[in-house]
């Protein structure tokens, strides 16, 4: 019985590597999204703290230059938050595209796996039939030998 060989094994391996690569890319995107979310949280905390500090100092007494410094920091922090939120939106869109790429890669990989499974089933069936033929030939040859021996014994 010859060994089963899937003639598209290299293509199946290549598609599997593509799928793994696409999944790693998604993992990187999700990791970056998490980092941006943490950055947004940190910036919001800084913004809230700067606002509280400014309000506290204004209640007491503050120099106009110090007030301007706080305001500049607050404006810059708000801009940084907007940029980070925009980056998060972009990453979310990239994540959605990546999920689509993974779905396509999974379909291509699964189609080749199904083809391999079908070819393997056909291979097993072919081997089963070949084994049955060999057994039938053996039985037929044995019966033929027995008939020849019986014929010789009679004569």
C-alpha atoms as a PDB file:
ATOM      1  CA  UNK A   1       0.000   0.000   0.000  1.00  0.00           C
ATOM      2  CA  UNK A   2       1.519   3.274  -1.058  1.00  0.00           C
ATOM      3  CA  UNK A   3       1.683   6.180   1.364  1.00  0.00           C
ATOM      4  CA  UNK A   4      -0.908   8.971   1.111  1.00  0.00           C
ATOM      5  CA  UNK A   5       0.489  12.155  -0.415  1.00  0.00           C
ATOM      6  CA  UNK A   6      -1.580  15.315  -0.720  1.00  0.00           C
ATOM      7  CA  UNK A   7      -0.409  16.998  -3.902  1.00  0.00           C
ATOM      8  CA  UNK A   8      -1.270  20.481  -2.575  1.00  0.00           C
ATOM      9  CA  UNK A   9       0.485  20.073   0.782  1.00  0.00           C
ATOM     10  CA  UNK A  10       2.899  22.935   0.094  1.00  0.00           C
ATOM     11  CA  UNK A  11      -0.004  25.246  -0.746  1.00  0.00           C
ATOM     12  CA  UNK A  12      -1.837  24.145   2.410  1.00  0.00           C
ATOM     13  CA  UNK A  13       1.289  24.887   4.472  1.00  0.00           C
ATOM     14  CA  UNK A  14       1.641  28.281   2.794  1.00  0.00           C
ATOM     15  CA  UNK A  15      -2.022  29.147   3.480  1.00  0.00           C
ATOM     16  CA  UNK A  16      -1.551  28.090   7.096  1.00  0.00           C
ATOM     17  CA  UNK A  17       1.457  30.404   7.389  1.00  0.00           C
ATOM     18  CA  UNK A  18      -0.583  33.254   5.911  1.00  0.00           C
ATOM     19  CA  UNK A  19      -3.369  32.588   8.406  1.00  0.00           C
ATOM     20  CA  UNK A  20      -0.899  32.596  11.301  1.00  0.00           C
ATOM     21  CA  UNK A  21       0.673  35.821  10.017  1.00  0.00           C
ATOM     22  CA  UNK A  22      -2.721  37.525   9.727  1.00  0.00           C
ATOM     23  CA  UNK A  23      -3.631  36.428  13.247  1.00  0.00           C
ATOM     24  CA  UNK A  24      -0.344  37.795  14.580  1.00  0.00           C
ATOM     25  CA  UNK A  25      -1.083  41.084  12.832  1.00  0.00           C
ATOM     26  CA  UNK A  26      -4.494  41.194  14.538  1.00  0.00           C
ATOM     27  CA  UNK A  27      -2.817  40.540  17.867  1.00  0.00           C
ATOM     28  CA  UNK A  28      -0.457  43.474  17.256  1.00  0.00           C
ATOM     29  CA  UNK A  29      -3.381  45.739  16.354  1.00  0.00           C
ATOM     30  CA  UNK A  30      -5.278  44.726  19.507  1.00  0.00           C
ATOM     31  CA  UNK A  31      -2.181  45.319  21.600  1.00  0.00           C
ATOM     32  CA  UNK A  32      -1.721  48.772  20.096  1.00  0.00           C
ATOM     33  CA  UNK A  33      -5.410  49.537  20.689  1.00  0.00           C
ATOM     34  CA  UNK A  34      -4.971  48.591  24.338  1.00  0.00           C
ATOM     35  CA  UNK A  35      -1.928  50.868  24.643  1.00  0.00           C
ATOM     36  CA  UNK A  36      -3.831  53.776  23.071  1.00  0.00           C
ATOM     37  CA  UNK A  37      -6.770  53.184  25.431  1.00  0.00           C
ATOM     38  CA  UNK A  38      -4.383  53.277  28.386  1.00  0.00           C
ATOM     39  CA  UNK A  39      -2.850  56.485  27.021  1.00  0.00           C
ATOM     40  CA  UNK A  40      -6.305  58.067  26.685  1.00  0.00           C
ATOM     41  CA  UNK A  41      -7.079  57.100  30.281  1.00  0.00           C
ATOM     42  CA  UNK A  42      -3.779  58.566  31.481  1.00  0.00           C
ATOM     43  CA  UNK A  43      -4.363  61.803  29.537  1.00  0.00           C
ATOM     44  CA  UNK A  44      -7.915  62.120  30.902  1.00  0.00           C
ATOM     45  CA  UNK A  45      -6.554  61.685  34.417  1.00  0.00           C
ATOM     46  CA  UNK A  46      -3.932  64.386  33.779  1.00  0.00           C
ATOM     47  CA  UNK A  47      -6.595  66.679  32.288  1.00  0.00           C
ATOM     48  CA  UNK A  48      -8.909  66.216  35.250  1.00  0.00           C
ATOM     49  CA  UNK A  49      -6.048  66.770  37.719  1.00  0.00           C
ATOM     50  CA  UNK A  50      -4.855  69.919  35.891  1.00  0.00           C
ATOM     51  CA  UNK A  51      -8.429  71.269  35.859  1.00  0.00           C
ATOM     52  CA  UNK A  52      -8.795  70.609  39.581  1.00  0.00           C
ATOM     53  CA  UNK A  53      -5.411  72.203  40.310  1.00  0.00           C
ATOM     54  CA  UNK A  54      -6.289  75.259  38.238  1.00  0.00           C
ATOM     55  CA  UNK A  55      -9.659  75.649  39.957  1.00  0.00           C
ATOM     56  CA  UNK A  56      -8.011  75.315  43.365  1.00  0.00           C
ATOM     57  CA  UNK A  57      -5.332  77.900  42.538  1.00  0.00           C
ATOM     58  CA  UNK A  58      -7.876  80.282  41.055  1.00  0.00           C
ATOM     59  CA  UNK A  59      -9.880  80.065  44.271  1.00  0.00           C
ATOM     60  CA  UNK A  60      -6.814  81.139  46.174  1.00  0.00           C
ATOM     61  CA  UNK A  61      -4.689  83.400  44.040  1.00  0.00           C
ATOM     62  CA  UNK A  62      -2.866  82.789  40.785  1.00  0.00           C
ATOM     63  CA  UNK A  63      -0.635  84.818  38.519  1.00  0.00           C
ATOM     64  CA  UNK A  64      -1.850  85.333  34.958  1.00  0.00           C
ATOM     65  CA  UNK A  65       1.269  83.619  33.566  1.00  0.00           C
ATOM     66  CA  UNK A  66       0.694  80.603  35.769  1.00  0.00           C
ATOM     67  CA  UNK A  67      -2.952  80.523  34.690  1.00  0.00           C
ATOM     68  CA  UNK A  68      -1.826  80.652  31.038  1.00  0.00           C
ATOM     69  CA  UNK A  69       0.624  77.784  31.647  1.00  0.00           C
ATOM     70  CA  UNK A  70      -2.188  75.656  33.076  1.00  0.00           C
ATOM     71  CA  UNK A  71      -4.450  76.581  30.175  1.00  0.00           C
ATOM     72  CA  UNK A  72      -1.747  75.708  27.619  1.00  0.00           C
ATOM     73  CA  UNK A  73      -1.218  72.348  29.331  1.00  0.00           C
ATOM     74  CA  UNK A  74      -4.968  71.683  29.361  1.00  0.00           C
ATOM     75  CA  UNK A  75      -5.271  72.617  25.653  1.00  0.00           C
ATOM     76  CA  UNK A  76      -2.310  70.418  24.720  1.00  0.00           C
ATOM     77  CA  UNK A  77      -3.698  67.516  26.741  1.00  0.00           C
ATOM     78  CA  UNK A  78      -7.098  67.879  25.028  1.00  0.00           C
ATOM     79  CA  UNK A  79      -5.356  67.856  21.628  1.00  0.00           C
ATOM     80  CA  UNK A  80      -3.395  64.752  22.645  1.00  0.00           C
ATOM     81  CA  UNK A  81      -6.642  63.059  23.704  1.00  0.00           C
ATOM     82  CA  UNK A  82      -8.274  63.914  20.357  1.00  0.00           C
ATOM     83  CA  UNK A  83      -5.254  62.526  18.475  1.00  0.00           C
ATOM     84  CA  UNK A  84      -5.291  59.364  20.564  1.00  0.00           C
ATOM     85  CA  UNK A  85      -9.045  58.933  20.037  1.00  0.00           C
ATOM     86  CA  UNK A  86      -8.549  59.398  16.277  1.00  0.00           C
ATOM     87  CA  UNK A  87      -5.775  56.793  16.374  1.00  0.00           C
ATOM     88  CA  UNK A  88      -8.102  54.448  18.255  1.00  0.00           C
ATOM     89  CA  UNK A  89     -10.801  54.908  15.602  1.00  0.00           C
ATOM     90  CA  UNK A  90      -8.236  54.189  12.870  1.00  0.00           C
ATOM     91  CA  UNK A  91      -7.018  51.114  14.724  1.00  0.00           C
ATOM     92  CA  UNK A  92     -10.586  49.907  15.143  1.00  0.00           C
ATOM     93  CA  UNK A  93     -11.139  50.185  11.386  1.00  0.00           C
ATOM     94  CA  UNK A  94      -7.847  48.398  10.782  1.00  0.00           C
ATOM     95  CA  UNK A  95      -8.951  45.691  13.227  1.00  0.00           C
ATOM     96  CA  UNK A  96     -12.181  45.190  11.286  1.00  0.00           C
ATOM     97  CA  UNK A  97     -10.267  44.903   7.997  1.00  0.00           C
ATOM     98  CA  UNK A  98      -7.855  42.472   9.617  1.00  0.00           C
ATOM     99  CA  UNK A  99     -10.722  40.329  10.889  1.00  0.00           C
ATOM    100  CA  UNK A 100     -12.037  40.190   7.304  1.00  0.00           C
ATOM    101  CA  UNK A 101      -8.590  39.152   6.042  1.00  0.00           C
ATOM    102  CA  UNK A 102      -8.440  36.422   8.669  1.00  0.00           C
ATOM    103  CA  UNK A 103     -11.894  35.183   7.693  1.00  0.00           C
ATOM    104  CA  UNK A 104     -10.786  34.989   4.045  1.00  0.00           C
ATOM    105  CA  UNK A 105      -7.555  33.218   4.991  1.00  0.00           C
ATOM    106  CA  UNK A 106      -9.504  30.734   7.138  1.00  0.00           C
ATOM    107  CA  UNK A 107     -11.871  30.002   4.242  1.00  0.00           C
ATOM    108  CA  UNK A 108      -8.974  29.362   1.862  1.00  0.00           C
ATOM    109  CA  UNK A 109      -7.168  27.198   4.419  1.00  0.00           C
ATOM    110  CA  UNK A 110     -10.341  25.248   5.292  1.00  0.00           C
ATOM    111  CA  UNK A 111     -11.135  24.642   1.610  1.00  0.00           C
ATOM    112  CA  UNK A 112      -7.705  23.032   1.178  1.00  0.00           C
ATOM    113  CA  UNK A 113      -8.157  21.001   4.362  1.00  0.00           C
ATOM    114  CA  UNK A 114     -11.505  19.705   3.082  1.00  0.00           C
ATOM    115  CA  UNK A 115      -9.897  18.828  -0.236  1.00  0.00           C
ATOM    116  CA  UNK A 116      -7.147  16.968   1.608  1.00  0.00           C
ATOM    117  CA  UNK A 117      -9.697  15.108   3.747  1.00  0.00           C
ATOM    118  CA  UNK A 118     -11.688  14.140   0.646  1.00  0.00           C
ATOM    119  CA  UNK A 119      -8.554  12.938  -1.138  1.00  0.00           C
ATOM    120  CA  UNK A 120      -7.568  10.951   1.946  1.00  0.00           C
ATOM    121  CA  UNK A 121     -11.011   9.297   2.086  1.00  0.00           C
ATOM    122  CA  UNK A 122     -10.700   8.455  -1.611  1.00  0.00           C
ATOM    123  CA  UNK A 123      -7.214   7.060  -0.949  1.00  0.00           C
ATOM    124  CA  UNK A 124      -8.556   4.863   1.877  1.00  0.00           C
ATOM    125  CA  UNK A 125     -11.424   3.663  -0.305  1.00  0.00           C
ATOM    126  CA  UNK A 126      -9.034   2.856  -3.150  1.00  0.00           C
ATOM    127  CA  UNK A 127      -6.812   0.902  -0.771  1.00  0.00           C
ATOM    128  CA  UNK A 128      -9.806  -0.948   0.650  1.00  0.00           C
ATOM    129  CA  UNK A 129     -10.897  -1.957  -2.839  1.00  0.00           C
ATOM    130  CA  UNK A 130      -7.354  -2.999  -3.753  1.00  0.00           C
ATOM    131  CA  UNK A 131      -7.170  -5.132  -0.614  1.00  0.00           C
ATOM    132  CA  UNK A 132     -10.529  -6.716  -1.453  1.00  0.00           C
ATOM    133  CA  UNK A 133      -9.292  -7.478  -4.978  1.00  0.00           C
ATOM    134  CA  UNK A 134      -6.139  -9.070  -3.598  1.00  0.00           C
ATOM    135  CA  UNK A 135      -8.191 -11.203  -1.216  1.00  0.00           C
ATOM    136  CA  UNK A 136     -10.560 -12.216  -4.023  1.00  0.00           C
ATOM    137  CA  UNK A 137      -7.601 -13.100  -6.254  1.00  0.00           C
ATOM    138  CA  UNK A 138      -6.043 -15.111  -3.445  1.00  0.00           C
ATOM    139  CA  UNK A 139      -9.303 -16.985  -2.784  1.00  0.00           C
ATOM    140  CA  UNK A 140      -9.819 -17.544  -6.494  1.00  0.00           C
ATOM    141  CA  UNK A 141      -6.275 -18.859  -6.899  1.00  0.00           C
ATOM    142  CA  UNK A 142      -6.703 -21.091  -3.857  1.00  0.00           C
ATOM    143  CA  UNK A 143     -10.001 -22.479  -5.151  1.00  0.00           C
ATOM    144  CA  UNK A 144      -8.375 -23.067  -8.515  1.00  0.00           C
ATOM    145  CA  UNK A 145      -5.533 -24.966  -6.861  1.00  0.00           C
ATOM    146  CA  UNK A 146      -8.002 -27.030  -4.829  1.00  0.00           C
ATOM    147  CA  UNK A 147      -9.961 -27.891  -7.971  1.00  0.00           C
ATOM    148  CA  UNK A 148      -6.739 -28.886  -9.739  1.00  0.00           C
ATOM    149  CA  UNK A 149      -5.771 -31.091  -6.780  1.00  0.00           C
ATOM    150  CA  UNK A 150      -9.232 -32.682  -6.728  1.00  0.00           C
ATOM    151  CA  UNK A 151      -9.040 -33.281 -10.459  1.00  0.00           C
ATOM    152  CA  UNK A 152      -5.607 -34.848 -10.119  1.00  0.00           C
ATOM    153  CA  UNK A 153      -6.805 -37.010  -7.231  1.00  0.00           C
ATOM    154  CA  UNK A 154      -9.685 -38.325  -9.362  1.00  0.00           C
ATOM    155  CA  UNK A 155      -7.455 -39.257 -12.274  1.00  0.00           C
END
